[in-house]
Amino acid sequence: MACGDALGAGYEFDPPLASDASVTMKGGGGFDWAPGEWTDDTSMAVPIVNAIAAGHDLRDEAVLDEIVAAWALWARTAPDVGNQLRAVLSRTEPTASAVRVVARAHHDRHGRSGGNGSLMRTAPVALAYLDDPVALAAVARTISTLTHFETDAGDACVLWCLAIRHAVLEGTLDVRVGLDALPADRRALWEARFVVAEAGVPSDFSRNGWVVEALQAAWSAIVQPRSASGGASAAGTVSATPAGHLQDALEIAVRGGRDTDTVAAIAGGLLGARYGASAVPAAWRRIVHGWPDGLRADELVRRGVLAARADGGRSRRNPAVLDRRARKDRLATTWPTADHLAYASSGHISTLVRHPHDDGVWLGAVGILDDLPAEIDAVVSLCRVGRSQVPERIRVENRVAVWLVDEVDPRANPNLTFVLEDTVDAIAALRAEGRTVFVHCVQAISRTPTVGALYAARHRGVPIEQALRELTDALPHASPNAAFVRELVPRPLPAPRPGALAIQP
């Protein structure tokens, strides 16, 4: 969601782009965004995901008061606040009950309140009720009506949240799964709208500031690419992996023009639910950021995981299930909330060697982070690390966290091909910027030699069998798992995807 938002920020209010036009996370635009900076879409979603991650129930009016207060604080200095949202948030005290009254009055005064401002922020709501679709539908509409009284806005949030839930749990994209949660007299209307979206392209929906056309444009962008089945994207390139659908679809959403950041953010929420954070290109994750200052991709992943944890959902409905103090103590020492993960009991965690084919790449184990050589100024982590485990001197855009699980079961790494290729492209991008890169997992046994070998083959021209043999020899405990070896050896190695470029130091 955040990456779609930041990708579209630099193109907001522009006319549609050609189908082969390049789309990059360039920043700029009418509000002079920094490259990778998200806009109001994600900024309004942050207080929602914060509340869920903290274990709060969105059905609690006091929790909604906290969310509204955070929105009001953000809106005081935000460069980009929609007209409807600004009108609602600035005319009363920042409580849920007060803004509802103003939102209803705004609707009555203007005869409509169907802007896309509630749909753009709704994705995190789905994570709060993955095990309760009835509650999810009710809460999605409740949070929409805080600022948008119109029925279309509430319907759109219900439909999108239930589609996100379905994508998380079932791994498929289906915007119709929520139709039965709507009033009976509105289901045919939305079915007809979906049919129109699927027959068109995002640029057909020129009034995408309206919630209905924003949803139609987002869904149109999602169903346009054929890259999920190996076909060509609208840009004329071929995505080698199903996960490439996420990048293709977000670029297509932006090419639709006008409210580009919001349409791409909406699409991103659903695509992220289907493919997961591991499908988001490292080139985007390195630079995406926004309000509140200092919030970056890794932290969004952490909060998303906390929000989606099933035990958190049950404990909100039955506090006896999980003692809050015990939960707090556990979270203080485990991922995703711990500052430092203790891997000392894992065995050999002090391995450090230079890559056989690139002296600017170091390979090793997680323990090296505690005493990182001075020449290293970029870190690629192939295992989980604590919030402050990578030394502070490593600039945040030079830290790449990779979701790669050392297991043979293919379900552990559903985007394995994409993740491996994208990771070595990120290493190459860091090297192109002049960085000295440390690549590590826990013990440098399986993930590190796998990535090191693919880097040598993809970017240094070394035959993959030779590269794998040399990396295994170089790392004293190396023994890549069978799934990783099968992924490397039998397949041709495609060229790096366009857009995997270095960023400025």
Protein backbone atom coordinates (compact mmCIF):
# COMPACT_ATOMS: atom_id res chain seq x y z
CA MET A 1 0.00 0.00 0.00
CA ALA A 2 2.72 2.45 0.97
CA CYS A 3 4.77 1.63 -2.11
CA GLY A 4 1.81 2.13 -4.43
CA ASP A 5 1.16 5.44 -2.73
CA ALA A 6 4.79 6.59 -3.05
CA LEU A 7 5.02 5.32 -6.62
CA GLY A 8 2.03 7.39 -7.66
CA ALA A 9 2.94 10.51 -5.69
CA GLY A 10 5.09 12.03 -8.41
CA TYR A 11 2.38 11.62 -11.06
CA GLU A 12 -0.67 12.86 -9.13
CA PHE A 13 -3.03 15.11 -11.13
CA ASP A 14 -1.18 14.28 -14.37
CA PRO A 15 -3.01 12.91 -17.42
CA PRO A 16 -2.73 9.22 -18.27
CA LEU A 17 0.64 7.91 -19.45
CA ALA A 18 1.37 5.77 -22.47
CA SER A 19 1.20 2.03 -21.85
CA ASP A 20 4.95 1.71 -22.32
CA ALA A 21 5.89 4.77 -20.21
CA SER A 22 8.41 4.21 -17.45
CA VAL A 23 7.04 4.62 -13.90
CA THR A 24 9.50 5.18 -11.05
CA MET A 25 9.35 6.20 -7.42
CA LYS A 26 10.69 9.62 -8.39
CA GLY A 27 8.91 11.94 -5.97
CA GLY A 28 8.15 15.51 -6.99
CA GLY A 29 4.64 16.21 -8.22
CA GLY A 30 2.39 18.98 -7.03
CA PHE A 31 3.51 18.69 -3.41
CA ASP A 32 7.22 18.18 -4.11
CA TRP A 33 7.40 14.77 -2.45
CA ALA A 34 10.80 13.24 -1.77
CA PRO A 35 11.57 10.08 -3.77
CA GLY A 36 9.82 7.24 -1.97
CA GLU A 37 7.69 9.48 0.26
CA TRP A 38 4.12 8.38 0.76
CA THR A 39 1.18 10.76 0.90
CA ASP A 40 -2.10 11.12 2.78
CA ASP A 41 -3.28 7.62 1.86
CA THR A 42 -0.69 5.79 3.97
CA SER A 43 -0.43 8.54 6.58
CA MET A 44 -4.09 8.04 7.48
CA ALA A 45 -3.65 4.25 7.54
CA VAL A 46 -0.76 4.42 10.03
CA PRO A 47 -2.87 5.30 13.11
CA ILE A 48 -5.22 2.44 12.23
CA VAL A 49 -2.49 -0.18 11.98
CA ASN A 50 -0.85 1.23 15.11
CA ALA A 51 -4.04 0.68 17.08
CA ILE A 52 -4.43 -2.89 15.81
CA ALA A 53 -0.77 -3.74 16.41
CA ALA A 54 -1.11 -2.49 19.99
CA GLY A 55 -3.89 -5.04 20.55
CA HIS A 56 -6.77 -2.58 20.56
CA ASP A 57 -10.25 -3.34 19.23
CA LEU A 58 -11.47 -1.00 16.49
CA ARG A 59 -15.03 -1.48 17.79
CA ASP A 60 -14.07 0.47 20.90
CA GLU A 61 -15.13 4.12 20.66
CA ALA A 62 -12.12 5.20 22.74
CA VAL A 63 -9.82 3.56 20.17
CA LEU A 64 -11.58 5.43 17.38
CA ASP A 65 -11.10 8.64 19.35
CA GLU A 66 -7.34 7.99 19.39
CA ILE A 67 -7.31 7.37 15.64
CA VAL A 68 -9.25 10.54 14.90
CA ALA A 69 -6.97 12.56 17.17
CA ALA A 70 -3.93 11.23 15.28
CA TRP A 71 -5.56 12.17 11.96
CA ALA A 72 -6.27 15.68 13.20
CA LEU A 73 -2.68 16.10 14.39
CA TRP A 74 -1.37 14.90 11.02
CA ALA A 75 -3.72 17.18 9.07
CA ARG A 76 -2.40 20.33 10.76
CA THR A 77 0.89 20.16 8.88
CA ALA A 78 0.28 17.67 6.07
CA PRO A 79 0.83 19.17 2.62
CA ASP A 80 -1.84 17.02 1.00
CA VAL A 81 -5.20 16.61 2.73
CA GLY A 82 -8.28 16.07 0.59
CA ASN A 83 -10.90 18.79 0.61
CA GLN A 84 -13.54 16.58 2.20
CA LEU A 85 -11.17 15.27 4.86
CA ARG A 86 -9.86 18.71 5.70
CA ALA A 87 -13.41 20.03 6.02
CA VAL A 88 -14.36 17.25 8.41
CA LEU A 89 -11.19 17.15 10.53
CA SER A 90 -10.76 20.90 10.96
CA ARG A 91 -14.23 21.92 12.04
CA THR A 92 -14.69 20.18 15.36
CA GLU A 93 -12.93 18.57 18.29
CA PRO A 94 -10.92 15.49 17.31
CA THR A 95 -13.21 12.74 18.58
CA ALA A 96 -15.03 10.04 16.69
CA SER A 97 -18.49 11.25 17.68
CA ALA A 98 -17.72 14.85 16.76
CA VAL A 99 -16.32 14.11 13.30
CA ARG A 100 -19.27 11.85 12.51
CA VAL A 101 -21.61 14.76 13.08
CA VAL A 102 -19.52 17.03 10.86
CA ALA A 103 -19.25 14.34 8.18
CA ARG A 104 -23.05 13.96 8.10
CA ALA A 105 -23.50 17.72 7.93
CA HIS A 106 -20.96 17.95 5.11
CA HIS A 107 -22.89 15.29 3.20
CA ASP A 108 -26.23 17.02 3.74
CA ARG A 109 -24.80 20.38 2.73
CA HIS A 110 -23.19 19.19 -0.50
CA GLY A 111 -25.49 16.30 -1.36
CA ARG A 112 -22.59 13.88 -1.58
CA SER A 113 -19.55 12.66 0.37
CA GLY A 114 -18.26 9.91 -1.86
CA GLY A 115 -14.61 10.89 -2.13
CA ASN A 116 -11.99 8.15 -2.07
CA GLY A 117 -10.48 9.24 1.26
CA SER A 118 -11.89 6.40 3.37
CA LEU A 119 -11.13 3.65 0.87
CA MET A 120 -7.52 4.77 0.49
CA ARG A 121 -6.78 4.14 4.19
CA THR A 122 -8.86 1.02 4.78
CA ALA A 123 -6.42 -1.83 4.09
CA PRO A 124 -5.13 -2.27 7.68
CA VAL A 125 -8.66 -2.79 8.97
CA ALA A 126 -8.72 -6.21 7.29
CA LEU A 127 -5.78 -7.40 9.40
CA ALA A 128 -7.72 -6.87 12.62
CA TYR A 129 -10.47 -9.40 11.86
CA LEU A 130 -9.02 -12.11 9.66
CA ASP A 131 -10.98 -14.70 11.65
CA ASP A 132 -14.26 -12.76 11.75
CA PRO A 133 -15.63 -11.51 8.41
CA VAL A 134 -18.87 -10.26 9.94
CA ALA A 135 -17.02 -8.02 12.39
CA LEU A 136 -14.66 -6.95 9.62
CA ALA A 137 -17.52 -5.75 7.39
CA ALA A 138 -19.08 -3.81 10.24
CA VAL A 139 -15.84 -2.16 11.35
CA ALA A 140 -14.81 -1.29 7.79
CA ARG A 141 -18.05 0.63 7.34
CA THR A 142 -17.79 2.22 10.78
CA ILE A 143 -14.32 3.61 10.12
CA SER A 144 -15.39 4.82 6.67
CA THR A 145 -18.36 6.74 8.07
CA LEU A 146 -16.15 8.61 10.50
CA THR A 147 -15.39 11.00 7.63
CA HIS A 148 -17.46 9.79 4.65
CA PHE A 149 -21.20 9.44 5.22
CA GLU A 150 -22.09 8.29 1.71
CA THR A 151 -23.11 4.66 1.31
CA ASP A 152 -20.84 4.14 -1.71
CA ALA A 153 -17.79 4.89 0.45
CA GLY A 154 -18.82 2.42 3.13
CA ASP A 155 -19.66 -0.25 0.56
CA ALA A 156 -16.26 0.16 -1.10
CA CYS A 157 -14.42 -0.26 2.21
CA VAL A 158 -16.42 -3.38 3.06
CA LEU A 159 -15.75 -4.92 -0.34
CA TRP A 160 -12.04 -4.10 -0.35
CA CYS A 161 -11.42 -5.24 3.22
CA LEU A 162 -13.15 -8.57 2.63
CA ALA A 163 -11.16 -9.02 -0.59
CA ILE A 164 -7.95 -8.36 1.37
CA ARG A 165 -8.96 -10.88 4.02
CA HIS A 166 -9.69 -13.45 1.32
CA ALA A 167 -6.34 -12.82 -0.38
CA VAL A 168 -4.46 -13.28 2.90
CA LEU A 169 -6.23 -16.49 3.82
CA GLU A 170 -6.82 -18.09 0.41
CA GLY A 171 -4.08 -16.61 -1.78
CA THR A 172 -6.45 -15.48 -4.54
CA LEU A 173 -7.69 -12.12 -5.78
CA ASP A 174 -11.49 -11.90 -5.74
CA VAL A 175 -13.23 -8.58 -5.24
CA ARG A 176 -16.67 -10.23 -5.28
CA VAL A 177 -16.28 -12.23 -2.07
CA GLY A 178 -17.77 -9.34 -0.11
CA LEU A 179 -20.91 -8.80 -2.17
CA ASP A 180 -23.10 -10.76 0.25
CA ALA A 181 -22.00 -8.43 3.06
CA LEU A 182 -23.70 -5.50 1.33
CA PRO A 183 -27.40 -4.68 1.56
CA ALA A 184 -29.28 -6.88 -0.90
CA ASP A 185 -30.41 -3.95 -3.01
CA ARG A 186 -26.80 -2.84 -3.66
CA ARG A 187 -25.18 -6.08 -4.75
CA ALA A 188 -26.24 -5.95 -8.41
CA LEU A 189 -25.05 -2.35 -8.64
CA TRP A 190 -21.56 -3.29 -7.49
CA GLU A 191 -21.46 -6.40 -9.67
CA ALA A 192 -22.17 -4.17 -12.66
CA ARG A 193 -19.39 -1.82 -11.56
CA PHE A 194 -16.92 -4.72 -11.35
CA VAL A 195 -17.83 -5.83 -14.86
CA VAL A 196 -17.14 -2.32 -16.17
CA ALA A 197 -13.80 -2.24 -14.35
CA GLU A 198 -12.73 -5.59 -15.80
CA ALA A 199 -13.63 -4.49 -19.33
CA GLY A 200 -11.65 -1.26 -19.10
CA VAL A 201 -8.24 0.12 -18.22
CA PRO A 202 -7.43 2.49 -15.35
CA SER A 203 -7.39 5.56 -17.58
CA ASP A 204 -11.06 4.94 -18.40
CA PHE A 205 -11.96 5.98 -14.87
CA SER A 206 -11.20 9.68 -15.12
CA ARG A 207 -13.23 10.60 -12.02
CA ASN A 208 -11.04 8.52 -9.76
CA GLY A 209 -11.36 11.05 -6.95
CA TRP A 210 -14.80 9.45 -6.54
CA VAL A 211 -14.65 6.31 -4.45
CA VAL A 212 -16.42 4.17 -7.03
CA GLU A 213 -14.08 5.01 -9.89
CA ALA A 214 -11.05 4.81 -7.60
CA LEU A 215 -12.01 1.23 -6.75
CA GLN A 216 -12.77 0.45 -10.39
CA ALA A 217 -9.43 1.86 -11.52
CA ALA A 218 -7.56 -0.13 -8.86
CA TRP A 219 -9.32 -3.38 -9.72
CA SER A 220 -8.82 -2.71 -13.43
CA ALA A 221 -5.07 -2.29 -12.84
CA ILE A 222 -4.96 -5.58 -10.95
CA VAL A 223 -6.74 -7.61 -13.63
CA GLN A 224 -4.86 -6.03 -16.57
CA PRO A 225 -1.42 -7.67 -16.29
CA ARG A 226 -0.85 -11.21 -17.46
CA SER A 227 2.47 -11.47 -15.64
CA ALA A 228 0.95 -13.65 -12.91
CA SER A 229 0.72 -16.39 -15.53
CA GLY A 230 3.96 -15.53 -17.29
CA GLY A 231 2.55 -13.10 -19.87
CA ALA A 232 3.56 -9.63 -20.91
CA SER A 233 2.79 -6.57 -18.82
CA ALA A 234 1.39 -3.36 -20.25
CA ALA A 235 4.94 -2.03 -20.41
CA GLY A 236 5.87 -4.77 -22.84
CA THR A 237 8.18 -6.58 -20.42
CA VAL A 238 7.72 -10.12 -19.22
CA SER A 239 7.57 -10.85 -15.50
CA ALA A 240 9.38 -14.11 -14.83
CA THR A 241 7.55 -14.73 -11.56
CA PRO A 242 3.97 -14.52 -10.27
CA ALA A 243 5.11 -12.00 -7.65
CA GLY A 244 6.02 -9.64 -10.50
CA HIS A 245 2.27 -9.05 -10.86
CA LEU A 246 2.46 -6.69 -7.88
CA GLN A 247 4.97 -4.35 -9.50
CA ASP A 248 3.33 -4.56 -12.92
CA ALA A 249 -0.14 -3.77 -11.59
CA LEU A 250 0.99 -0.81 -9.49
CA GLU A 251 2.80 0.69 -12.47
CA ILE A 252 -0.34 0.22 -14.57
CA ALA A 253 -2.41 1.92 -11.86
CA VAL A 254 -0.12 4.95 -11.97
CA ARG A 255 -0.26 5.12 -15.77
CA GLY A 256 -4.01 5.62 -15.45
CA GLY A 257 -3.39 9.22 -14.40
CA ARG A 258 -5.09 11.79 -12.15
CA ASP A 259 -5.38 10.51 -8.53
CA THR A 260 -2.46 8.18 -9.12
CA ASP A 261 -1.19 7.84 -5.56
CA THR A 262 -4.59 6.86 -4.20
CA VAL A 263 -5.49 4.37 -6.94
CA ALA A 264 -2.08 2.69 -6.61
CA ALA A 265 -2.31 2.67 -2.80
CA ILE A 266 -5.73 1.01 -2.96
CA ALA A 267 -4.45 -1.57 -5.45
CA GLY A 268 -1.31 -2.09 -3.36
CA GLY A 269 -3.28 -3.03 -0.27
CA LEU A 270 -4.98 -5.91 -2.08
CA LEU A 271 -1.92 -7.00 -4.06
CA GLY A 272 0.16 -7.01 -0.88
CA ALA A 273 -2.43 -9.23 0.77
CA ARG A 274 -2.13 -11.69 -2.10
CA TYR A 275 1.64 -11.77 -2.55
CA GLY A 276 3.06 -10.56 0.78
CA ALA A 277 5.85 -8.16 1.62
CA SER A 278 8.41 -10.44 -0.04
CA ALA A 279 6.94 -9.50 -3.45
CA VAL A 280 7.73 -5.80 -3.00
CA PRO A 281 10.93 -4.88 -4.90
CA ALA A 282 13.90 -4.00 -2.71
CA ALA A 283 14.47 -0.87 -4.80
CA TRP A 284 11.14 0.42 -3.48
CA ARG A 285 11.54 -0.87 0.07
CA ARG A 286 14.89 0.88 0.41
CA ILE A 287 13.44 4.35 -0.05
CA VAL A 288 9.75 4.23 0.87
CA HIS A 289 9.02 6.42 3.91
CA GLY A 290 6.63 8.99 5.27
CA TRP A 291 4.62 10.42 8.13
CA PRO A 292 5.34 10.15 10.93
CA ASP A 293 8.96 11.00 10.20
CA GLY A 294 11.27 8.03 10.43
CA LEU A 295 8.71 5.36 9.52
CA ARG A 296 10.10 3.03 6.85
CA ALA A 297 9.35 -0.27 5.13
CA ASP A 298 10.79 -2.60 7.76
CA GLU A 299 8.69 -1.00 10.48
CA LEU A 300 5.54 -1.25 8.36
CA VAL A 301 6.23 -4.98 7.99
CA ARG A 302 6.66 -5.35 11.73
CA ARG A 303 3.41 -3.55 12.50
CA GLY A 304 1.55 -5.46 9.82
CA VAL A 305 2.68 -8.78 11.28
CA LEU A 306 1.64 -7.73 14.77
CA ALA A 307 -1.75 -6.62 13.47
CA ALA A 308 -2.38 -9.90 11.64
CA ARG A 309 -1.34 -12.29 14.40
CA ALA A 310 -4.26 -14.56 15.21
CA ASP A 311 -3.50 -14.64 18.94
CA GLY A 312 -3.78 -10.85 19.03
CA GLY A 313 -7.25 -11.02 17.53
CA ARG A 314 -8.47 -13.61 20.02
CA SER A 315 -6.98 -11.80 22.98
CA ARG A 316 -8.88 -8.63 22.08
CA ARG A 317 -12.16 -10.51 22.35
CA ASN A 318 -11.18 -12.59 25.35
CA PRO A 319 -8.42 -11.02 27.45
CA ALA A 320 -8.11 -14.22 29.46
CA VAL A 321 -6.67 -16.01 26.42
CA LEU A 322 -3.38 -14.20 26.67
CA ASP A 323 -2.17 -12.33 29.71
CA ARG A 324 -1.12 -8.86 28.59
CA ARG A 325 1.97 -8.79 30.78
CA ALA A 326 3.14 -12.17 29.49
CA ARG A 327 2.52 -11.00 25.94
CA LYS A 328 4.51 -7.82 26.55
CA ASP A 329 7.41 -9.78 28.05
CA ARG A 330 7.44 -12.21 25.13
CA LEU A 331 7.34 -9.45 22.51
CA ALA A 332 10.28 -7.70 24.13
CA THR A 333 12.58 -10.61 23.26
CA THR A 334 11.15 -11.90 19.96
CA TRP A 335 10.67 -10.67 16.44
CA PRO A 336 9.09 -8.38 15.31
CA THR A 337 9.26 -6.15 18.39
CA ALA A 338 12.64 -6.95 19.97
CA ASP A 339 15.48 -4.47 19.57
CA HIS A 340 18.05 -7.28 19.35
CA LEU A 341 17.53 -10.97 18.66
CA ALA A 342 19.80 -13.28 20.64
CA TYR A 343 21.24 -15.85 18.25
CA ALA A 344 24.12 -16.92 20.52
CA SER A 345 22.57 -20.36 21.06
CA SER A 346 22.29 -20.96 17.32
CA GLY A 347 25.87 -22.16 16.91
CA HIS A 348 28.51 -20.61 14.63
CA ILE A 349 27.46 -16.98 14.14
CA SER A 350 30.86 -15.35 13.61
CA THR A 351 31.66 -16.39 10.02
CA LEU A 352 32.96 -13.61 7.77
CA VAL A 353 34.56 -14.04 4.32
CA ARG A 354 34.90 -11.97 1.17
CA HIS A 355 32.88 -13.00 -1.85
CA PRO A 356 35.15 -14.99 -4.21
CA HIS A 357 34.15 -12.82 -7.18
CA ASP A 358 33.66 -9.38 -5.59
CA ASP A 359 35.90 -7.97 -2.87
CA GLY A 360 33.22 -5.37 -2.14
CA VAL A 361 30.79 -8.03 -0.90
CA TRP A 362 31.31 -9.70 2.46
CA LEU A 363 29.44 -12.88 3.38
CA GLY A 364 28.83 -14.11 6.88
CA ALA A 365 26.70 -14.77 9.92
CA VAL A 366 24.51 -12.57 12.09
CA GLY A 367 27.04 -12.22 14.93
CA ILE A 368 29.19 -9.95 12.74
CA LEU A 369 26.56 -7.22 13.11
CA ASP A 370 27.81 -6.73 16.67
CA ASP A 371 31.29 -5.84 15.41
CA LEU A 372 30.88 -4.83 11.80
CA PRO A 373 34.12 -3.99 9.92
CA ALA A 374 34.47 -0.25 9.34
CA GLU A 375 34.56 -0.51 5.55
CA ILE A 376 31.07 -2.02 5.38
CA ASP A 377 28.39 0.60 4.77
CA ALA A 378 25.46 -1.54 3.59
CA VAL A 379 23.80 -4.63 5.07
CA VAL A 380 21.55 -7.22 3.42
CA SER A 381 19.88 -9.36 6.09
CA LEU A 382 18.55 -12.73 4.96
CA CYS A 383 17.23 -13.58 8.42
CA ARG A 384 15.19 -11.68 10.96
CA VAL A 385 17.02 -9.05 12.98
CA GLY A 386 16.00 -6.80 15.83
CA ARG A 387 14.97 -3.20 15.36
CA SER A 388 18.41 -1.87 16.36
CA GLN A 389 20.56 -4.90 15.50
CA VAL A 390 22.03 -3.36 12.37
CA PRO A 391 24.51 -0.69 13.55
CA GLU A 392 23.11 2.83 13.53
CA ARG A 393 25.97 4.07 11.34
CA ILE A 394 24.50 2.09 8.42
CA ARG A 395 22.13 4.50 6.72
CA VAL A 396 18.59 3.22 6.69
CA GLU A 397 18.32 3.19 2.89
CA ASN A 398 21.41 0.94 2.82
CA ARG A 399 19.76 -1.76 4.94
CA VAL A 400 17.85 -4.40 3.02
CA ALA A 401 15.75 -6.88 5.01
CA VAL A 402 14.85 -9.97 3.00
CA TRP A 403 12.00 -12.36 3.79
CA LEU A 404 13.71 -15.68 3.08
CA VAL A 405 13.01 -18.78 5.18
CA ASP A 406 15.54 -21.63 5.37
CA GLU A 407 13.03 -24.43 4.77
CA VAL A 408 12.52 -26.95 1.98
CA ASP A 409 8.71 -26.72 2.07
CA PRO A 410 7.73 -24.45 -0.85
CA ARG A 411 4.98 -22.91 1.25
CA ALA A 412 7.65 -21.24 3.38
CA ASN A 413 8.88 -19.18 0.42
CA PRO A 414 5.99 -18.67 -2.00
CA ASN A 415 7.92 -15.98 -3.90
CA LEU A 416 11.29 -17.74 -3.82
CA THR A 417 12.35 -17.04 -7.41
CA PHE A 418 11.46 -13.38 -7.16
CA VAL A 419 13.06 -12.95 -3.74
CA LEU A 420 16.38 -14.48 -4.77
CA GLU A 421 16.63 -12.51 -8.00
CA ASP A 422 15.47 -9.26 -6.42
CA THR A 423 17.94 -9.68 -3.54
CA VAL A 424 20.98 -10.11 -5.74
CA ASP A 425 19.80 -7.18 -7.88
CA ALA A 426 19.70 -5.11 -4.68
CA ILE A 427 23.26 -6.16 -3.85
CA ALA A 428 24.33 -5.14 -7.36
CA ALA A 429 22.57 -1.78 -6.97
CA LEU A 430 24.37 -1.12 -3.69
CA ARG A 431 27.68 -2.02 -5.29
CA ALA A 432 26.92 0.33 -8.22
CA GLU A 433 26.54 3.10 -5.65
CA GLY A 434 30.02 2.32 -4.33
CA ARG A 435 28.84 0.51 -1.21
CA THR A 436 30.68 -2.28 0.56
CA VAL A 437 27.97 -4.80 1.34
CA PHE A 438 27.65 -7.35 4.13
CA VAL A 439 25.26 -10.20 3.27
CA HIS A 440 24.29 -12.49 6.13
CA CYS A 441 21.86 -14.99 7.53
CA VAL A 442 22.10 -16.64 10.98
CA GLN A 443 25.03 -19.02 10.44
CA ALA A 444 25.94 -18.55 6.75
CA ILE A 445 24.93 -22.16 6.13
CA SER A 446 22.11 -22.09 3.59
CA ARG A 447 20.71 -18.67 2.66
CA THR A 448 24.01 -16.78 2.42
CA PRO A 449 25.79 -19.20 0.05
CA THR A 450 22.64 -19.43 -2.07
CA VAL A 451 22.41 -15.67 -2.51
CA GLY A 452 26.18 -15.37 -2.95
CA ALA A 453 26.15 -17.95 -5.74
CA LEU A 454 23.24 -16.34 -7.56
CA TYR A 455 24.93 -12.94 -7.31
CA ALA A 456 28.04 -14.38 -8.93
CA ALA A 457 26.01 -15.97 -11.73
CA ARG A 458 23.61 -13.10 -12.38
CA HIS A 459 25.98 -10.16 -12.00
CA ARG A 460 29.53 -11.52 -12.33
CA GLY A 461 29.08 -13.94 -15.22
CA VAL A 462 30.08 -17.08 -13.32
CA PRO A 463 28.37 -20.36 -14.32
CA ILE A 464 25.88 -21.20 -11.58
CA GLU A 465 27.25 -24.67 -10.80
CA GLN A 466 30.75 -23.22 -10.41
CA ALA A 467 29.46 -20.31 -8.33
CA LEU A 468 27.55 -22.59 -5.98
CA ARG A 469 30.58 -24.84 -5.54
CA GLU A 470 32.93 -21.91 -4.87
CA LEU A 471 30.58 -20.25 -2.39
CA THR A 472 30.10 -23.52 -0.54
CA ASP A 473 33.87 -23.92 -0.34
CA ALA A 474 34.41 -20.34 0.82
CA LEU A 475 31.95 -20.48 3.72
CA PRO A 476 33.15 -22.98 6.33
CA HIS A 477 29.73 -24.33 7.35
CA ALA A 478 27.89 -23.89 4.05
CA SER A 479 25.26 -26.43 3.02
CA PRO A 480 22.41 -24.83 1.04
CA ASN A 481 19.11 -26.64 1.47
CA ALA A 482 17.77 -28.78 -1.37
CA ALA A 483 14.99 -26.36 -2.31
CA PHE A 484 17.49 -23.52 -2.77
CA VAL A 485 19.82 -25.70 -4.84
CA ARG A 486 16.95 -26.81 -7.08
CA GLU A 487 15.97 -23.19 -7.54
CA LEU A 488 19.45 -22.24 -8.72
CA VAL A 489 20.80 -25.06 -10.81
CA PRO A 490 18.19 -26.26 -13.31
CA ARG A 491 16.85 -22.95 -14.60
CA PRO A 492 18.24 -20.23 -16.87
CA LEU A 493 19.04 -16.96 -15.18
CA PRO A 494 17.06 -14.05 -16.69
CA ALA A 495 18.46 -10.57 -16.92
CA PRO A 496 17.77 -8.18 -14.03
CA ARG A 497 14.33 -6.53 -14.21
CA PRO A 498 14.26 -2.99 -15.58
CA GLY A 499 14.17 -0.46 -12.79
CA ALA A 500 16.56 -2.25 -10.43
CA LEU A 501 18.72 0.86 -10.37
CA ALA A 502 21.12 2.37 -7.89
CA ILE A 503 19.96 5.34 -5.82
CA GLN A 504 22.02 8.35 -5.01
CA PRO A 505 24.18 8.15 -1.86
